[in-house]
Amino acid sequence: MTTAVLTALRPWGASRLAPYPSVTRRPYRSVGLDPDTQLGVYADHAGRVIEMGKHGTGKGTETSTTTNLDSAPDQGHDQDSEQD
């Protein structure tokens, strides 16, 4: 009868681990969703709603183009975006 010897192996990914970078404190503790406006609501550590400032919005569009009238696969597309 052979006795199997189990050797604890260190997982290969463990050699790639490093300490976390320094911690950055955020001015808010939690984010919720206002059901009426569908916007994020930020609360501080005391539970008070706080203003997180304004931010821009973005919009992207994509249109499909066909360059021939037969059914050959000769298509392309255009993309653009707007940022305010």
PDB file of N, CA and C in Angstrom:
ATOM      1  N   MET A   1       0.845  -1.171   0.000  1.00  0.00           N
ATOM      2  CA  MET A   1       0.000   0.000   0.000  1.00  0.00           C
ATOM      3  C   MET A   1       0.892   1.237   0.000  1.00  0.00           C
ATOM      4  N   THR A   2       0.602   2.180  -0.904  1.00  0.00           N
ATOM      5  CA  THR A   2       1.404   3.391  -1.021  1.00  0.00           C
ATOM      6  C   THR A   2       0.692   4.538  -0.311  1.00  0.00           C
ATOM      7  N   THR A   3       1.458   5.272   0.440  1.00  0.00           N
ATOM      8  CA  THR A   3       0.895   6.419   1.144  1.00  0.00           C
ATOM      9  C   THR A   3       1.212   7.674   0.338  1.00  0.00           C
ATOM     10  N   ALA A   4       0.168   8.409  -0.015  1.00  0.00           N
ATOM     11  CA  ALA A   4       0.365   9.637  -0.793  1.00  0.00           C
ATOM     12  C   ALA A   4       0.787  10.759   0.151  1.00  0.00           C
ATOM     13  N   VAL A   5       1.769  11.494  -0.259  1.00  0.00           N
ATOM     14  CA  VAL A   5       2.233  12.621   0.530  1.00  0.00           C
ATOM     15  C   VAL A   5       1.708  13.885  -0.139  1.00  0.00           C
ATOM     16  N   LEU A   6       0.947  14.647   0.609  1.00  0.00           N
ATOM     17  CA  LEU A   6       0.404  15.897   0.080  1.00  0.00           C
ATOM     18  C   LEU A   6       1.327  17.030   0.473  1.00  0.00           C
ATOM     19  N   THR A   7       1.747  17.758  -0.507  1.00  0.00           N
ATOM     20  CA  THR A   7       2.609  18.900  -0.259  1.00  0.00           C
ATOM     21  C   THR A   7       1.811  20.162  -0.544  1.00  0.00           C
ATOM     22  N   ALA A   8       1.821  21.087   0.403  1.00  0.00           N
ATOM     23  CA  ALA A   8       1.112  22.344   0.203  1.00  0.00           C
ATOM     24  C   ALA A   8       1.870  23.181  -0.810  1.00  0.00           C
ATOM     25  N   LEU A   9       1.203  23.514  -1.881  1.00  0.00           N
ATOM     26  CA  LEU A   9       1.805  24.342  -2.920  1.00  0.00           C
ATOM     27  C   LEU A   9       1.228  25.743  -2.839  1.00  0.00           C
ATOM     28  N   ARG A  10       2.099  26.706  -2.993  1.00  0.00           N
ATOM     29  CA  ARG A  10       1.647  28.087  -3.012  1.00  0.00           C
ATOM     30  C   ARG A  10       1.034  28.360  -4.389  1.00  0.00           C
ATOM     31  N   PRO A  11      -0.176  28.955  -4.452  1.00  0.00           N
ATOM     32  CA  PRO A  11      -0.790  29.243  -5.756  1.00  0.00           C
ATOM     33  C   PRO A  11       0.114  30.144  -6.591  1.00  0.00           C
ATOM     34  N   TRP A  12       0.144  29.928  -7.887  1.00  0.00           N
ATOM     35  CA  TRP A  12       1.070  30.666  -8.743  1.00  0.00           C
ATOM     36  C   TRP A  12       0.804  32.164  -8.710  1.00  0.00           C
ATOM     37  N   GLY A  13      -0.442  32.578  -8.528  1.00  0.00           N
ATOM     38  CA  GLY A  13      -0.776  33.991  -8.527  1.00  0.00           C
ATOM     39  C   GLY A  13      -0.340  34.721  -7.267  1.00  0.00           C
ATOM     40  N   ALA A  14      -0.053  33.977  -6.210  1.00  0.00           N
ATOM     41  CA  ALA A  14       0.339  34.612  -4.948  1.00  0.00           C
ATOM     42  C   ALA A  14       1.655  35.371  -5.088  1.00  0.00           C
ATOM     43  N   SER A  15       2.503  34.963  -5.993  1.00  0.00           N
ATOM     44  CA  SER A  15       3.765  35.673  -6.170  1.00  0.00           C
ATOM     45  C   SER A  15       3.568  37.031  -6.829  1.00  0.00           C
ATOM     46  N   ARG A  16       2.402  37.256  -7.410  1.00  0.00           N
ATOM     47  CA  ARG A  16       2.124  38.519  -8.087  1.00  0.00           C
ATOM     48  C   ARG A  16       1.418  39.519  -7.177  1.00  0.00           C
ATOM     49  N   LEU A  17       1.063  39.125  -5.982  1.00  0.00           N
ATOM     50  CA  LEU A  17       0.348  40.010  -5.072  1.00  0.00           C
ATOM     51  C   LEU A  17       1.250  41.125  -4.571  1.00  0.00           C
ATOM     52  N   ALA A  18       0.645  42.272  -4.340  1.00  0.00           N
ATOM     53  CA  ALA A  18       1.372  43.421  -3.796  1.00  0.00           C
ATOM     54  C   ALA A  18       0.445  44.132  -2.817  1.00  0.00           C
ATOM     55  N   PRO A  19       0.992  44.903  -1.905  1.00  0.00           N
ATOM     56  CA  PRO A  19       0.124  45.638  -0.977  1.00  0.00           C
ATOM     57  C   PRO A  19      -0.763  46.627  -1.730  1.00  0.00           C
ATOM     58  N   TYR A  20      -1.941  46.904  -1.171  1.00  0.00           N
ATOM     59  CA  TYR A  20      -2.823  47.901  -1.749  1.00  0.00           C
ATOM     60  C   TYR A  20      -2.158  49.269  -1.705  1.00  0.00           C
ATOM     61  N   PRO A  21      -2.432  50.116  -2.684  1.00  0.00           N
ATOM     62  CA  PRO A  21      -1.901  51.475  -2.617  1.00  0.00           C
ATOM     63  C   PRO A  21      -2.560  52.228  -1.464  1.00  0.00           C
ATOM     64  N   SER A  22      -2.068  53.407  -1.191  1.00  0.00           N
ATOM     65  CA  SER A  22      -2.615  54.172  -0.074  1.00  0.00           C
ATOM     66  C   SER A  22      -4.112  54.407  -0.273  1.00  0.00           C
ATOM     67  N   VAL A  23      -4.821  54.480   0.816  1.00  0.00           N
ATOM     68  CA  VAL A  23      -6.274  54.619   0.803  1.00  0.00           C
ATOM     69  C   VAL A  23      -6.642  56.083   0.600  1.00  0.00           C
ATOM     70  N   THR A  24      -7.615  56.326  -0.263  1.00  0.00           N
ATOM     71  CA  THR A  24      -8.125  57.675  -0.488  1.00  0.00           C
ATOM     72  C   THR A  24      -9.506  57.767   0.133  1.00  0.00           C
ATOM     73  N   ARG A  25      -9.704  58.729   1.009  1.00  0.00           N
ATOM     74  CA  ARG A  25     -11.002  58.927   1.639  1.00  0.00           C
ATOM     75  C   ARG A  25     -11.916  59.692   0.697  1.00  0.00           C
ATOM     76  N   ARG A  26     -13.095  59.204   0.497  1.00  0.00           N
ATOM     77  CA  ARG A  26     -14.089  59.879  -0.323  1.00  0.00           C
ATOM     78  C   ARG A  26     -14.992  60.705   0.575  1.00  0.00           C
ATOM     79  N   PRO A  27     -15.551  61.806   0.057  1.00  0.00           N
ATOM     80  CA  PRO A  27     -16.406  62.643   0.893  1.00  0.00           C
ATOM     81  C   PRO A  27     -17.792  62.037   1.141  1.00  0.00           C
ATOM     82  N   TYR A  28     -18.083  60.919   0.524  1.00  0.00           N
ATOM     83  CA  TYR A  28     -19.385  60.301   0.730  1.00  0.00           C
ATOM     84  C   TYR A  28     -19.219  58.883   1.281  1.00  0.00           C
ATOM     85  N   ARG A  29     -20.292  58.395   1.866  1.00  0.00           N
ATOM     86  CA  ARG A  29     -20.265  57.042   2.404  1.00  0.00           C
ATOM     87  C   ARG A  29     -21.080  56.085   1.552  1.00  0.00           C
ATOM     88  N   SER A  30     -22.175  56.582   1.011  1.00  0.00           N
ATOM     89  CA  SER A  30     -23.017  55.710   0.205  1.00  0.00           C
ATOM     90  C   SER A  30     -23.657  56.496  -0.928  1.00  0.00           C
ATOM     91  N   VAL A  31     -24.118  55.759  -1.922  1.00  0.00           N
ATOM     92  CA  VAL A  31     -24.808  56.341  -3.062  1.00  0.00           C
ATOM     93  C   VAL A  31     -26.129  55.607  -3.213  1.00  0.00           C
ATOM     94  N   GLY A  32     -27.197  56.360  -3.332  1.00  0.00           N
ATOM     95  CA  GLY A  32     -28.521  55.781  -3.549  1.00  0.00           C
ATOM     96  C   GLY A  32     -29.099  56.324  -4.843  1.00  0.00           C
ATOM     97  N   LEU A  33     -30.304  55.920  -5.149  1.00  0.00           N
ATOM     98  CA  LEU A  33     -30.975  56.354  -6.362  1.00  0.00           C
ATOM     99  C   LEU A  33     -32.277  57.038  -5.986  1.00  0.00           C
ATOM    100  N   ASP A  34     -32.428  58.283  -6.441  1.00  0.00           N
ATOM    101  CA  ASP A  34     -33.672  59.008  -6.222  1.00  0.00           C
ATOM    102  C   ASP A  34     -34.709  58.442  -7.178  1.00  0.00           C
ATOM    103  N   PRO A  35     -35.822  57.882  -6.671  1.00  0.00           N
ATOM    104  CA  PRO A  35     -36.795  57.235  -7.564  1.00  0.00           C
ATOM    105  C   PRO A  35     -37.510  58.215  -8.488  1.00  0.00           C
ATOM    106  N   ASP A  36     -37.598  59.491  -8.105  1.00  0.00           N
ATOM    107  CA  ASP A  36     -38.293  60.458  -8.949  1.00  0.00           C
ATOM    108  C   ASP A  36     -37.424  60.959 -10.095  1.00  0.00           C
ATOM    109  N   THR A  37     -36.161  61.261  -9.816  1.00  0.00           N
ATOM    110  CA  THR A  37     -35.285  61.822 -10.841  1.00  0.00           C
ATOM    111  C   THR A  37     -34.370  60.792 -11.483  1.00  0.00           C
ATOM    112  N   GLN A  38     -34.255  59.610 -10.888  1.00  0.00           N
ATOM    113  CA  GLN A  38     -33.350  58.560 -11.369  1.00  0.00           C
ATOM    114  C   GLN A  38     -31.898  59.021 -11.351  1.00  0.00           C
ATOM    115  N   LEU A  39     -31.547  59.915 -10.429  1.00  0.00           N
ATOM    116  CA  LEU A  39     -30.186  60.410 -10.275  1.00  0.00           C
ATOM    117  C   LEU A  39     -29.570  59.846  -9.011  1.00  0.00           C
ATOM    118  N   GLY A  40     -28.268  59.769  -8.979  1.00  0.00           N
ATOM    119  CA  GLY A  40     -27.566  59.304  -7.790  1.00  0.00           C
ATOM    120  C   GLY A  40     -27.651  60.334  -6.673  1.00  0.00           C
ATOM    121  N   VAL A  41     -27.861  59.858  -5.455  1.00  0.00           N
ATOM    122  CA  VAL A  41     -27.904  60.712  -4.272  1.00  0.00           C
ATOM    123  C   VAL A  41     -26.782  60.252  -3.354  1.00  0.00           C
ATOM    124  N   TYR A  42     -25.878  61.159  -3.025  1.00  0.00           N
ATOM    125  CA  TYR A  42     -24.713  60.840  -2.213  1.00  0.00           C
ATOM    126  C   TYR A  42     -24.977  61.247  -0.769  1.00  0.00           C
ATOM    127  N   ALA A  43     -24.588  60.398   0.168  1.00  0.00           N
ATOM    128  CA  ALA A  43     -24.757  60.690   1.594  1.00  0.00           C
ATOM    129  C   ALA A  43     -23.399  60.623   2.279  1.00  0.00           C
ATOM    130  N   ASP A  44     -23.189  61.533   3.256  1.00  0.00           N
ATOM    131  CA  ASP A  44     -21.925  61.541   3.987  1.00  0.00           C
ATOM    132  C   ASP A  44     -21.967  60.500   5.108  1.00  0.00           C
ATOM    133  N   HIS A  45     -20.953  60.498   5.960  1.00  0.00           N
ATOM    134  CA  HIS A  45     -20.850  59.491   7.019  1.00  0.00           C
ATOM    135  C   HIS A  45     -21.936  59.633   8.078  1.00  0.00           C
ATOM    136  N   ALA A  46     -22.570  60.820   8.153  1.00  0.00           N
ATOM    137  CA  ALA A  46     -23.663  61.027   9.112  1.00  0.00           C
ATOM    138  C   ALA A  46     -25.022  60.777   8.475  1.00  0.00           C
ATOM    139  N   GLY A  47     -25.048  60.405   7.197  1.00  0.00           N
ATOM    140  CA  GLY A  47     -26.307  60.137   6.519  1.00  0.00           C
ATOM    141  C   GLY A  47     -26.926  61.356   5.863  1.00  0.00           C
ATOM    142  N   ARG A  48     -26.257  62.504   5.908  1.00  0.00           N
ATOM    143  CA  ARG A  48     -26.778  63.717   5.286  1.00  0.00           C
ATOM    144  C   ARG A  48     -26.480  63.695   3.796  1.00  0.00           C
ATOM    145  N   VAL A  49     -27.457  64.167   2.991  1.00  0.00           N
ATOM    146  CA  VAL A  49     -27.280  64.236   1.550  1.00  0.00           C
ATOM    147  C   VAL A  49     -26.292  65.356   1.248  1.00  0.00           C
ATOM    148  N   ILE A  50     -25.313  65.056   0.380  1.00  0.00           N
ATOM    149  CA  ILE A  50     -24.308  66.047   0.023  1.00  0.00           C
ATOM    150  C   ILE A  50     -24.278  66.237  -1.484  1.00  0.00           C
ATOM    151  N   GLU A  51     -23.830  67.406  -1.927  1.00  0.00           N
ATOM    152  CA  GLU A  51     -23.708  67.723  -3.348  1.00  0.00           C
ATOM    153  C   GLU A  51     -22.351  67.239  -3.838  1.00  0.00           C
ATOM    154  N   MET A  52     -22.330  66.520  -4.933  1.00  0.00           N
ATOM    155  CA  MET A  52     -21.074  66.007  -5.468  1.00  0.00           C
ATOM    156  C   MET A  52     -20.573  66.830  -6.638  1.00  0.00           C
ATOM    157  N   GLY A  53     -21.192  67.956  -6.916  1.00  0.00           N
ATOM    158  CA  GLY A  53     -20.721  68.800  -8.002  1.00  0.00           C
ATOM    159  C   GLY A  53     -21.347  68.406  -9.325  1.00  0.00           C
ATOM    160  N   LYS A  54     -21.091  69.202 -10.304  1.00  0.00           N
ATOM    161  CA  LYS A  54     -21.660  68.966 -11.638  1.00  0.00           C
ATOM    162  C   LYS A  54     -20.689  68.155 -12.477  1.00  0.00           C
ATOM    163  N   HIS A  55     -21.231  67.477 -13.429  1.00  0.00           N
ATOM    164  CA  HIS A  55     -20.405  66.712 -14.354  1.00  0.00           C
ATOM    165  C   HIS A  55     -21.044  66.763 -15.724  1.00  0.00           C
ATOM    166  N   GLY A  56     -20.272  66.470 -16.716  1.00  0.00           N
ATOM    167  CA  GLY A  56     -20.769  66.498 -18.081  1.00  0.00           C
ATOM    168  C   GLY A  56     -21.506  65.216 -18.432  1.00  0.00           C
ATOM    169  N   THR A  57     -22.187  65.274 -19.524  1.00  0.00           N
ATOM    170  CA  THR A  57     -22.870  64.091 -20.033  1.00  0.00           C
ATOM    171  C   THR A  57     -22.343  63.800 -21.425  1.00  0.00           C
ATOM    172  N   GLY A  58     -22.480  62.599 -21.843  1.00  0.00           N
ATOM    173  CA  GLY A  58     -22.006  62.206 -23.162  1.00  0.00           C
ATOM    174  C   GLY A  58     -23.076  61.461 -23.925  1.00  0.00           C
ATOM    175  N   LYS A  59     -22.990  61.531 -25.246  1.00  0.00           N
ATOM    176  CA  LYS A  59     -23.949  60.839 -26.090  1.00  0.00           C
ATOM    177  C   LYS A  59     -23.206  60.330 -27.313  1.00  0.00           C
ATOM    178  N   GLY A  60     -23.429  59.122 -27.689  1.00  0.00           N
ATOM    179  CA  GLY A  60     -22.795  58.564 -28.867  1.00  0.00           C
ATOM    180  C   GLY A  60     -23.833  58.062 -29.843  1.00  0.00           C
ATOM    181  N   THR A  61     -23.530  58.177 -31.127  1.00  0.00           N
ATOM    182  CA  THR A  61     -24.429  57.665 -32.163  1.00  0.00           C
ATOM    183  C   THR A  61     -23.633  56.809 -33.128  1.00  0.00           C
ATOM    184  N   GLU A  62     -24.313  55.863 -33.724  1.00  0.00           N
ATOM    185  CA  GLU A  62     -23.689  54.991 -34.711  1.00  0.00           C
ATOM    186  C   GLU A  62     -24.698  54.734 -35.813  1.00  0.00           C
ATOM    187  N   THR A  63     -24.281  54.906 -37.046  1.00  0.00           N
ATOM    188  CA  THR A  63     -25.154  54.646 -38.183  1.00  0.00           C
ATOM    189  C   THR A  63     -24.521  53.590 -39.070  1.00  0.00           C
ATOM    190  N   SER A  64     -25.345  52.733 -39.599  1.00  0.00           N
ATOM    191  CA  SER A  64     -24.883  51.689 -40.503  1.00  0.00           C
ATOM    192  C   SER A  64     -24.979  52.206 -41.938  1.00  0.00           C
ATOM    193  N   THR A  65     -24.009  51.896 -42.754  1.00  0.00           N
ATOM    194  CA  THR A  65     -24.026  52.324 -44.153  1.00  0.00           C
ATOM    195  C   THR A  65     -23.899  51.110 -45.058  1.00  0.00           C
ATOM    196  N   THR A  66     -24.619  51.138 -46.162  1.00  0.00           N
ATOM    197  CA  THR A  66     -24.524  50.104 -47.182  1.00  0.00           C
ATOM    198  C   THR A  66     -24.135  50.789 -48.478  1.00  0.00           C
ATOM    199  N   THR A  67     -23.120  50.286 -49.150  1.00  0.00           N
ATOM    200  CA  THR A  67     -22.602  50.968 -50.342  1.00  0.00           C
ATOM    201  C   THR A  67     -23.020  50.317 -51.646  1.00  0.00           C
ATOM    202  N   ASN A  68     -23.784  49.238 -51.620  1.00  0.00           N
ATOM    203  CA  ASN A  68     -24.222  48.625 -52.866  1.00  0.00           C
ATOM    204  C   ASN A  68     -25.662  48.151 -52.726  1.00  0.00           C
ATOM    205  N   LEU A  69     -26.301  47.865 -53.839  1.00  0.00           N
ATOM    206  CA  LEU A  69     -27.704  47.475 -53.813  1.00  0.00           C
ATOM    207  C   LEU A  69     -27.905  45.969 -53.861  1.00  0.00           C
ATOM    208  N   ASP A  70     -26.868  45.205 -54.195  1.00  0.00           N
ATOM    209  CA  ASP A  70     -27.032  43.760 -54.163  1.00  0.00           C
ATOM    210  C   ASP A  70     -26.831  43.270 -52.734  1.00  0.00           C
ATOM    211  N   SER A  71     -26.909  42.017 -52.526  1.00  0.00           N
ATOM    212  CA  SER A  71     -26.844  41.483 -51.164  1.00  0.00           C
ATOM    213  C   SER A  71     -25.428  41.118 -50.726  1.00  0.00           C
ATOM    214  N   ALA A  72     -24.427  41.602 -51.450  1.00  0.00           N
ATOM    215  CA  ALA A  72     -23.044  41.314 -51.058  1.00  0.00           C
ATOM    216  C   ALA A  72     -22.719  42.030 -49.745  1.00  0.00           C
ATOM    217  N   PRO A  73     -21.925  41.406 -48.902  1.00  0.00           N
ATOM    218  CA  PRO A  73     -21.621  42.005 -47.598  1.00  0.00           C
ATOM    219  C   PRO A  73     -20.606  43.154 -47.720  1.00  0.00           C
ATOM    220  N   ASP A  74     -21.081  44.319 -48.132  1.00  0.00           N
ATOM    221  CA  ASP A  74     -20.225  45.487 -48.317  1.00  0.00           C
ATOM    222  C   ASP A  74     -20.779  46.619 -47.453  1.00  0.00           C
ATOM    223  N   GLN A  75     -20.626  46.472 -46.162  1.00  0.00           N
ATOM    224  CA  GLN A  75     -21.184  47.448 -45.236  1.00  0.00           C
ATOM    225  C   GLN A  75     -20.099  48.099 -44.415  1.00  0.00           C
ATOM    226  N   GLY A  76     -20.406  49.256 -43.897  1.00  0.00           N
ATOM    227  CA  GLY A  76     -19.535  49.959 -42.973  1.00  0.00           C
ATOM    228  C   GLY A  76     -20.400  50.651 -41.940  1.00  0.00           C
ATOM    229  N   HIS A  77     -19.777  51.438 -41.100  1.00  0.00           N
ATOM    230  CA  HIS A  77     -20.564  52.207 -40.130  1.00  0.00           C
ATOM    231  C   HIS A  77     -19.783  53.446 -39.720  1.00  0.00           C
ATOM    232  N   ASP A  78     -20.523  54.436 -39.246  1.00  0.00           N
ATOM    233  CA  ASP A  78     -19.954  55.687 -38.775  1.00  0.00           C
ATOM    234  C   ASP A  78     -20.239  55.819 -37.285  1.00  0.00           C
ATOM    235  N   GLN A  79     -19.313  56.413 -36.544  1.00  0.00           N
ATOM    236  CA  GLN A  79     -19.505  56.652 -35.115  1.00  0.00           C
ATOM    237  C   GLN A  79     -19.122  58.075 -34.813  1.00  0.00           C
ATOM    238  N   ASP A  80     -19.867  58.703 -33.908  1.00  0.00           N
ATOM    239  CA  ASP A  80     -19.466  59.998 -33.390  1.00  0.00           C
ATOM    240  C   ASP A  80     -19.943  60.122 -31.951  1.00  0.00           C
ATOM    241  N   SER A  81     -19.416  61.104 -31.247  1.00  0.00           N
ATOM    242  CA  SER A  81     -19.816  61.297 -29.865  1.00  0.00           C
ATOM    243  C   SER A  81     -19.833  62.775 -29.545  1.00  0.00           C
ATOM    244  N   GLU A  82     -20.625  63.144 -28.560  1.00  0.00           N
ATOM    245  CA  GLU A  82     -20.728  64.525 -28.077  1.00  0.00           C
ATOM    246  C   GLU A  82     -20.458  64.527 -26.596  1.00  0.00           C
ATOM    247  N   GLN A  83     -19.743  65.528 -26.126  1.00  0.00           N
ATOM    248  CA  GLN A  83     -19.457  65.660 -24.696  1.00  0.00           C
ATOM    249  C   GLN A  83     -19.696  67.099 -24.312  1.00  0.00           C
ATOM    250  N   ASP A  84     -20.417  67.320 -23.210  1.00  0.00           N
ATOM    251  CA  ASP A  84     -20.597  68.699 -22.732  1.00  0.00           C
ATOM    252  C   ASP A  84     -20.124  68.854 -21.317  1.00  0.00           C
TER     253      ASP A  84
END
